[in-house]
Amino acid sequence: MSIHDLGGLSMTLVLAAFDQGLGAINAYELVKYPDDVRRVMGISDQELLAVGVALGYPADNKLGTFAPEHVKVDEVVTLKD
């Protein structure tokens, strides 16, 4: 399976989760520390962790609706010819 295939798989999983009322996000942190994930999830050392998708129910609290203010691009980026 290629990395391209894994991207398609994870995107489809995230969209299917959303369709079922779940929150989901591709999560690099879940594969950044594979030993911790293996320990917590009971995954064998013989298996490769290549993609992480975090799933859960959206929270009905203020943190679930938090949206930071956005900065205009020209305030943080300088483009030169």
PDB file of N, CA and C in Angstrom:
ATOM      1  N   MET A   1       0.851  -1.168   0.000  1.00  0.00           N
ATOM      2  CA  MET A   1       0.000   0.000   0.000  1.00  0.00           C
ATOM      3  C   MET A   1       0.899   1.234   0.000  1.00  0.00           C
ATOM      4  N   SER A   2       0.586   2.197  -0.829  1.00  0.00           N
ATOM      5  CA  SER A   2       1.403   3.398  -0.923  1.00  0.00           C
ATOM      6  C   SER A   2       0.910   4.475   0.039  1.00  0.00           C
ATOM      7  N   ILE A   3       1.760   5.486   0.245  1.00  0.00           N
ATOM      8  CA  ILE A   3       1.365   6.620   1.072  1.00  0.00           C
ATOM      9  C   ILE A   3       0.135   7.301   0.473  1.00  0.00           C
ATOM     10  N   HIS A   4       0.076   7.362  -0.859  1.00  0.00           N
ATOM     11  CA  HIS A   4      -1.090   7.941  -1.532  1.00  0.00           C
ATOM     12  C   HIS A   4      -2.357   7.185  -1.136  1.00  0.00           C
ATOM     13  N   ASP A   5      -2.289   5.858  -1.136  1.00  0.00           N
ATOM     14  CA  ASP A   5      -3.439   5.039  -0.757  1.00  0.00           C
ATOM     15  C   ASP A   5      -3.832   5.300   0.697  1.00  0.00           C
ATOM     16  N   LEU A   6      -2.839   5.444   1.575  1.00  0.00           N
ATOM     17  CA  LEU A   6      -3.121   5.692   2.984  1.00  0.00           C
ATOM     18  C   LEU A   6      -3.807   7.041   3.174  1.00  0.00           C
ATOM     19  N   GLY A   7      -3.421   8.034   2.375  1.00  0.00           N
ATOM     20  CA  GLY A   7      -4.085   9.337   2.443  1.00  0.00           C
ATOM     21  C   GLY A   7      -5.543   9.230   2.040  1.00  0.00           C
ATOM     22  N   GLY A   8      -5.800   8.495   0.977  1.00  0.00           N
ATOM     23  CA  GLY A   8      -7.183   8.286   0.535  1.00  0.00           C
ATOM     24  C   GLY A   8      -7.995   7.517   1.556  1.00  0.00           C
ATOM     25  N   LEU A   9      -7.380   6.499   2.142  1.00  0.00           N
ATOM     26  CA  LEU A   9      -8.047   5.703   3.171  1.00  0.00           C
ATOM     27  C   LEU A   9      -8.398   6.568   4.379  1.00  0.00           C
ATOM     28  N   SER A  10      -7.424   7.356   4.858  1.00  0.00           N
ATOM     29  CA  SER A  10      -7.693   8.159   6.047  1.00  0.00           C
ATOM     30  C   SER A  10      -8.733   9.238   5.769  1.00  0.00           C
ATOM     31  N   MET A  11      -8.696   9.837   4.580  1.00  0.00           N
ATOM     32  CA  MET A  11      -9.700  10.845   4.232  1.00  0.00           C
ATOM     33  C   MET A  11     -11.094  10.219   4.211  1.00  0.00           C
ATOM     34  N   THR A  12     -11.205   9.050   3.618  1.00  0.00           N
ATOM     35  CA  THR A  12     -12.490   8.370   3.541  1.00  0.00           C
ATOM     36  C   THR A  12     -12.996   7.996   4.923  1.00  0.00           C
ATOM     37  N   LEU A  13     -12.089   7.547   5.798  1.00  0.00           N
ATOM     38  CA  LEU A  13     -12.465   7.201   7.168  1.00  0.00           C
ATOM     39  C   LEU A  13     -12.984   8.433   7.915  1.00  0.00           C
ATOM     40  N   VAL A  14     -12.289   9.566   7.755  1.00  0.00           N
ATOM     41  CA  VAL A  14     -12.711  10.809   8.412  1.00  0.00           C
ATOM     42  C   VAL A  14     -14.093  11.239   7.908  1.00  0.00           C
ATOM     43  N   LEU A  15     -14.316  11.169   6.602  1.00  0.00           N
ATOM     44  CA  LEU A  15     -15.616  11.555   6.043  1.00  0.00           C
ATOM     45  C   LEU A  15     -16.723  10.597   6.480  1.00  0.00           C
ATOM     46  N   ALA A  16     -16.429   9.308   6.531  1.00  0.00           N
ATOM     47  CA  ALA A  16     -17.424   8.330   6.981  1.00  0.00           C
ATOM     48  C   ALA A  16     -17.765   8.542   8.453  1.00  0.00           C
ATOM     49  N   ALA A  17     -16.766   8.857   9.263  1.00  0.00           N
ATOM     50  CA  ALA A  17     -17.008   9.133  10.682  1.00  0.00           C
ATOM     51  C   ALA A  17     -17.920  10.344  10.836  1.00  0.00           C
ATOM     52  N   PHE A  18     -17.633  11.398  10.076  1.00  0.00           N
ATOM     53  CA  PHE A  18     -18.464  12.605  10.116  1.00  0.00           C
ATOM     54  C   PHE A  18     -19.906  12.270   9.746  1.00  0.00           C
ATOM     55  N   ASP A  19     -20.078  11.413   8.743  1.00  0.00           N
ATOM     56  CA  ASP A  19     -21.413  11.006   8.308  1.00  0.00           C
ATOM     57  C   ASP A  19     -22.175  10.282   9.417  1.00  0.00           C
ATOM     58  N   GLN A  20     -21.433   9.653  10.334  1.00  0.00           N
ATOM     59  CA  GLN A  20     -22.038   8.929  11.453  1.00  0.00           C
ATOM     60  C   GLN A  20     -22.160   9.795  12.713  1.00  0.00           C
ATOM     61  N   GLY A  21     -21.842  11.093  12.587  1.00  0.00           N
ATOM     62  CA  GLY A  21     -21.983  11.995  13.723  1.00  0.00           C
ATOM     63  C   GLY A  21     -20.764  12.064  14.627  1.00  0.00           C
ATOM     64  N   LEU A  22     -19.650  11.515  14.176  1.00  0.00           N
ATOM     65  CA  LEU A  22     -18.416  11.556  14.958  1.00  0.00           C
ATOM     66  C   LEU A  22     -17.519  12.685  14.492  1.00  0.00           C
ATOM     67  N   GLY A  23     -16.674  13.144  15.392  1.00  0.00           N
ATOM     68  CA  GLY A  23     -15.617  14.055  15.011  1.00  0.00           C
ATOM     69  C   GLY A  23     -14.405  13.219  14.639  1.00  0.00           C
ATOM     70  N   ALA A  24     -13.627  13.631  13.668  1.00  0.00           N
ATOM     71  CA  ALA A  24     -12.454  12.869  13.251  1.00  0.00           C
ATOM     72  C   ALA A  24     -11.428  13.808  12.643  1.00  0.00           C
ATOM     73  N   ILE A  25     -10.167  13.448  12.816  1.00  0.00           N
ATOM     74  CA  ILE A  25      -9.097  14.254  12.254  1.00  0.00           C
ATOM     75  C   ILE A  25      -7.887  13.362  11.996  1.00  0.00           C
ATOM     76  N   ASN A  26      -7.213  13.604  10.865  1.00  0.00           N
ATOM     77  CA  ASN A  26      -5.937  12.935  10.623  1.00  0.00           C
ATOM     78  C   ASN A  26      -4.969  13.491  11.653  1.00  0.00           C
ATOM     79  N   ALA A  27      -4.301  12.608  12.391  1.00  0.00           N
ATOM     80  CA  ALA A  27      -3.495  13.047  13.525  1.00  0.00           C
ATOM     81  C   ALA A  27      -2.078  12.484  13.442  1.00  0.00           C
ATOM     82  N   TYR A  28      -1.148  13.318  12.985  1.00  0.00           N
ATOM     83  CA  TYR A  28       0.253  12.921  12.887  1.00  0.00           C
ATOM     84  C   TYR A  28       0.813  12.499  14.241  1.00  0.00           C
ATOM     85  N   GLU A  29       0.377  13.135  15.310  1.00  0.00           N
ATOM     86  CA  GLU A  29       0.884  12.807  16.643  1.00  0.00           C
ATOM     87  C   GLU A  29       0.654  11.338  16.991  1.00  0.00           C
ATOM     88  N   LEU A  30      -0.352  10.716  16.387  1.00  0.00           N
ATOM     89  CA  LEU A  30      -0.629   9.309  16.684  1.00  0.00           C
ATOM     90  C   LEU A  30       0.405   8.364  16.086  1.00  0.00           C
ATOM     91  N   VAL A  31       1.146   8.807  15.081  1.00  0.00           N
ATOM     92  CA  VAL A  31       2.211   7.963  14.527  1.00  0.00           C
ATOM     93  C   VAL A  31       3.593   8.518  14.843  1.00  0.00           C
ATOM     94  N   LYS A  32       3.636   9.714  15.386  1.00  0.00           N
ATOM     95  CA  LYS A  32       4.915  10.331  15.752  1.00  0.00           C
ATOM     96  C   LYS A  32       5.569   9.578  16.916  1.00  0.00           C
ATOM     97  N   TYR A  33       4.764   9.024  17.794  1.00  0.00           N
ATOM     98  CA  TYR A  33       5.246   8.281  18.957  1.00  0.00           C
ATOM     99  C   TYR A  33       4.691   6.858  18.927  1.00  0.00           C
ATOM    100  N   PRO A  34       5.165   6.037  17.981  1.00  0.00           N
ATOM    101  CA  PRO A  34       4.566   4.711  17.788  1.00  0.00           C
ATOM    102  C   PRO A  34       4.660   3.786  19.001  1.00  0.00           C
ATOM    103  N   ASP A  35       5.731   3.883  19.779  1.00  0.00           N
ATOM    104  CA  ASP A  35       5.851   3.000  20.948  1.00  0.00           C
ATOM    105  C   ASP A  35       4.754   3.276  21.965  1.00  0.00           C
ATOM    106  N   ASP A  36       4.422   4.545  22.168  1.00  0.00           N
ATOM    107  CA  ASP A  36       3.347   4.894  23.096  1.00  0.00           C
ATOM    108  C   ASP A  36       2.001   4.412  22.581  1.00  0.00           C
ATOM    109  N   VAL A  37       1.774   4.598  21.287  1.00  0.00           N
ATOM    110  CA  VAL A  37       0.502   4.154  20.700  1.00  0.00           C
ATOM    111  C   VAL A  37       0.384   2.635  20.792  1.00  0.00           C
ATOM    112  N   ARG A  38       1.452   1.932  20.478  1.00  0.00           N
ATOM    113  CA  ARG A  38       1.419   0.464  20.572  1.00  0.00           C
ATOM    114  C   ARG A  38       1.091   0.009  21.987  1.00  0.00           C
ATOM    115  N   ARG A  39       1.713   0.654  22.972  1.00  0.00           N
ATOM    116  CA  ARG A  39       1.500   0.269  24.368  1.00  0.00           C
ATOM    117  C   ARG A  39       0.043   0.506  24.771  1.00  0.00           C
ATOM    118  N   VAL A  40      -0.479   1.678  24.475  1.00  0.00           N
ATOM    119  CA  VAL A  40      -1.838   2.029  24.882  1.00  0.00           C
ATOM    120  C   VAL A  40      -2.887   1.218  24.129  1.00  0.00           C
ATOM    121  N   MET A  41      -2.662   0.986  22.847  1.00  0.00           N
ATOM    122  CA  MET A  41      -3.656   0.312  22.009  1.00  0.00           C
ATOM    123  C   MET A  41      -3.454  -1.200  21.897  1.00  0.00           C
ATOM    124  N   GLY A  42      -2.358  -1.702  22.481  1.00  0.00           N
ATOM    125  CA  GLY A  42      -2.110  -3.145  22.404  1.00  0.00           C
ATOM    126  C   GLY A  42      -1.745  -3.614  21.007  1.00  0.00           C
ATOM    127  N   ILE A  43      -0.958  -2.824  20.301  1.00  0.00           N
ATOM    128  CA  ILE A  43      -0.556  -3.152  18.933  1.00  0.00           C
ATOM    129  C   ILE A  43       0.834  -3.796  18.962  1.00  0.00           C
ATOM    130  N   SER A  44       1.016  -4.848  18.220  1.00  0.00           N
ATOM    131  CA  SER A  44       2.274  -5.580  18.153  1.00  0.00           C
ATOM    132  C   SER A  44       3.402  -4.746  17.542  1.00  0.00           C
ATOM    133  N   ASP A  45       4.637  -5.028  17.971  1.00  0.00           N
ATOM    134  CA  ASP A  45       5.817  -4.387  17.372  1.00  0.00           C
ATOM    135  C   ASP A  45       5.997  -4.807  15.918  1.00  0.00           C
ATOM    136  N   GLN A  46       5.330  -5.864  15.503  1.00  0.00           N
ATOM    137  CA  GLN A  46       5.448  -6.368  14.140  1.00  0.00           C
ATOM    138  C   GLN A  46       4.615  -5.566  13.145  1.00  0.00           C
ATOM    139  N   GLU A  47       3.762  -4.673  13.658  1.00  0.00           N
ATOM    140  CA  GLU A  47       2.895  -3.887  12.780  1.00  0.00           C
ATOM    141  C   GLU A  47       3.418  -2.465  12.642  1.00  0.00           C
ATOM    142  N   LEU A  48       3.338  -1.938  11.427  1.00  0.00           N
ATOM    143  CA  LEU A  48       3.800  -0.584  11.121  1.00  0.00           C
ATOM    144  C   LEU A  48       2.656   0.408  11.304  1.00  0.00           C
ATOM    145  N   LEU A  49       2.933   1.485  12.019  1.00  0.00           N
ATOM    146  CA  LEU A  49       1.941   2.558  12.157  1.00  0.00           C
ATOM    147  C   LEU A  49       2.281   3.631  11.131  1.00  0.00           C
ATOM    148  N   ALA A  50       1.385   3.852  10.186  1.00  0.00           N
ATOM    149  CA  ALA A  50       1.658   4.799   9.111  1.00  0.00           C
ATOM    150  C   ALA A  50       0.700   5.976   9.102  1.00  0.00           C
ATOM    151  N   VAL A  51      -0.514   5.788   9.610  1.00  0.00           N
ATOM    152  CA  VAL A  51      -1.528   6.835   9.601  1.00  0.00           C
ATOM    153  C   VAL A  51      -2.279   6.772  10.920  1.00  0.00           C
ATOM    154  N   GLY A  52      -2.560   7.946  11.469  1.00  0.00           N
ATOM    155  CA  GLY A  52      -3.368   8.008  12.680  1.00  0.00           C
ATOM    156  C   GLY A  52      -4.612   8.837  12.429  1.00  0.00           C
ATOM    157  N   VAL A  53      -5.743   8.341  12.877  1.00  0.00           N
ATOM    158  CA  VAL A  53      -6.987   9.094  12.787  1.00  0.00           C
ATOM    159  C   VAL A  53      -7.612   9.095  14.180  1.00  0.00           C
ATOM    160  N   ALA A  54      -7.814  10.281  14.721  1.00  0.00           N
ATOM    161  CA  ALA A  54      -8.447  10.414  16.026  1.00  0.00           C
ATOM    162  C   ALA A  54      -9.953  10.537  15.820  1.00  0.00           C
ATOM    163  N   LEU A  55     -10.711   9.770  16.599  1.00  0.00           N
ATOM    164  CA  LEU A  55     -12.162   9.766  16.498  1.00  0.00           C
ATOM    165  C   LEU A  55     -12.765  10.120  17.852  1.00  0.00           C
ATOM    166  N   GLY A  56     -13.904  10.762  17.837  1.00  0.00           N
ATOM    167  CA  GLY A  56     -14.593  11.062  19.080  1.00  0.00           C
ATOM    168  C   GLY A  56     -15.888  11.795  18.808  1.00  0.00           C
ATOM    169  N   TYR A  57     -16.647  11.970  19.877  1.00  0.00           N
ATOM    170  CA  TYR A  57     -17.883  12.735  19.749  1.00  0.00           C
ATOM    171  C   TYR A  57     -17.583  14.201  19.990  1.00  0.00           C
ATOM    172  N   PRO A  58     -18.111  15.088  19.142  1.00  0.00           N
ATOM    173  CA  PRO A  58     -17.887  16.522  19.353  1.00  0.00           C
ATOM    174  C   PRO A  58     -18.419  16.955  20.721  1.00  0.00           C
ATOM    175  N   ALA A  59     -17.642  17.768  21.400  1.00  0.00           N
ATOM    176  CA  ALA A  59     -18.027  18.233  22.732  1.00  0.00           C
ATOM    177  C   ALA A  59     -19.087  19.327  22.634  1.00  0.00           C
ATOM    178  N   ASP A  60     -20.007  19.291  23.547  1.00  0.00           N
ATOM    179  CA  ASP A  60     -21.028  20.334  23.619  1.00  0.00           C
ATOM    180  C   ASP A  60     -20.651  21.335  24.715  1.00  0.00           C
ATOM    181  N   ASN A  61     -19.440  21.856  24.604  1.00  0.00           N
ATOM    182  CA  ASN A  61     -18.997  22.858  25.568  1.00  0.00           C
ATOM    183  C   ASN A  61     -18.260  23.965  24.835  1.00  0.00           C
ATOM    184  N   LYS A  62     -17.802  24.959  25.576  1.00  0.00           N
ATOM    185  CA  LYS A  62     -17.160  26.119  24.956  1.00  0.00           C
ATOM    186  C   LYS A  62     -15.900  25.733  24.185  1.00  0.00           C
ATOM    187  N   LEU A  63     -15.151  24.753  24.666  1.00  0.00           N
ATOM    188  CA  LEU A  63     -13.944  24.342  23.954  1.00  0.00           C
ATOM    189  C   LEU A  63     -14.277  23.749  22.594  1.00  0.00           C
ATOM    190  N   GLY A  64     -15.425  23.106  22.483  1.00  0.00           N
ATOM    191  CA  GLY A  64     -15.834  22.522  21.213  1.00  0.00           C
ATOM    192  C   GLY A  64     -16.226  23.553  20.178  1.00  0.00           C
ATOM    193  N   THR A  65     -16.498  24.762  20.614  1.00  0.00           N
ATOM    194  CA  THR A  65     -16.889  25.811  19.669  1.00  0.00           C
ATOM    195  C   THR A  65     -15.835  26.910  19.565  1.00  0.00           C
ATOM    196  N   PHE A  66     -14.685  26.735  20.220  1.00  0.00           N
ATOM    197  CA  PHE A  66     -13.628  27.747  20.195  1.00  0.00           C
ATOM    198  C   PHE A  66     -13.094  27.940  18.783  1.00  0.00           C
ATOM    199  N   ALA A  67     -12.975  29.180  18.368  1.00  0.00           N
ATOM    200  CA  ALA A  67     -12.384  29.522  17.077  1.00  0.00           C
ATOM    201  C   ALA A  67     -11.491  30.745  17.286  1.00  0.00           C
ATOM    202  N   PRO A  68     -10.186  30.588  17.112  1.00  0.00           N
ATOM    203  CA  PRO A  68      -9.289  31.724  17.333  1.00  0.00           C
ATOM    204  C   PRO A  68      -9.481  32.794  16.262  1.00  0.00           C
ATOM    205  N   GLU A  69      -9.098  34.010  16.603  1.00  0.00           N
ATOM    206  CA  GLU A  69      -9.136  35.075  15.606  1.00  0.00           C
ATOM    207  C   GLU A  69      -8.049  34.814  14.573  1.00  0.00           C
ATOM    208  N   HIS A  70      -8.345  35.132  13.336  1.00  0.00           N
ATOM    209  CA  HIS A  70      -7.377  34.914  12.265  1.00  0.00           C
ATOM    210  C   HIS A  70      -6.614  36.192  11.962  1.00  0.00           C
ATOM    211  N   VAL A  71      -5.359  36.027  11.636  1.00  0.00           N
ATOM    212  CA  VAL A  71      -4.501  37.144  11.266  1.00  0.00           C
ATOM    213  C   VAL A  71      -4.455  37.198   9.743  1.00  0.00           C
ATOM    214  N   LYS A  72      -4.480  38.397   9.195  1.00  0.00           N
ATOM    215  CA  LYS A  72      -4.389  38.539   7.743  1.00  0.00           C
ATOM    216  C   LYS A  72      -3.022  38.060   7.264  1.00  0.00           C
ATOM    217  N   VAL A  73      -3.006  37.404   6.119  1.00  0.00           N
ATOM    218  CA  VAL A  73      -1.772  36.838   5.583  1.00  0.00           C
ATOM    219  C   VAL A  73      -0.679  37.892   5.456  1.00  0.00           C
ATOM    220  N   ASP A  74      -1.022  39.071   4.978  1.00  0.00           N
ATOM    221  CA  ASP A  74       0.015  40.096   4.784  1.00  0.00           C
ATOM    222  C   ASP A  74       0.613  40.624   6.095  1.00  0.00           C
ATOM    223  N   GLU A  75       0.014  40.256   7.225  1.00  0.00           N
ATOM    224  CA  GLU A  75       0.584  40.630   8.514  1.00  0.00           C
ATOM    225  C   GLU A  75       1.690  39.678   8.964  1.00  0.00           C
ATOM    226  N   VAL A  76       1.743  38.502   8.371  1.00  0.00           N
ATOM    227  CA  VAL A  76       2.741  37.515   8.791  1.00  0.00           C
ATOM    228  C   VAL A  76       3.632  37.036   7.648  1.00  0.00           C
ATOM    229  N   VAL A  77       3.307  37.400   6.413  1.00  0.00           N
ATOM    230  CA  VAL A  77       4.077  36.944   5.258  1.00  0.00           C
ATOM    231  C   VAL A  77       4.520  38.161   4.435  1.00  0.00           C
ATOM    232  N   THR A  78       5.762  38.159   4.002  1.00  0.00           N
ATOM    233  CA  THR A  78       6.260  39.193   3.108  1.00  0.00           C
ATOM    234  C   THR A  78       6.640  38.539   1.783  1.00  0.00           C
ATOM    235  N   LEU A  79       5.998  38.941   0.711  1.00  0.00           N
ATOM    236  CA  LEU A  79       6.280  38.400  -0.612  1.00  0.00           C
ATOM    237  C   LEU A  79       7.160  39.390  -1.374  1.00  0.00           C
ATOM    238  N   LYS A  80       8.227  38.884  -1.973  1.00  0.00           N
ATOM    239  CA  LYS A  80       9.129  39.737  -2.742  1.00  0.00           C
ATOM    240  C   LYS A  80       9.331  39.138  -4.122  1.00  0.00           C
ATOM    241  N   ASP A  81       9.443  40.023  -5.106  1.00  0.00           N
ATOM    242  CA  ASP A  81       9.711  39.570  -6.482  1.00  0.00           C
ATOM    243  C   ASP A  81      11.183  39.350  -6.663  1.00  0.00           C
TER     244      ASP A  81
END
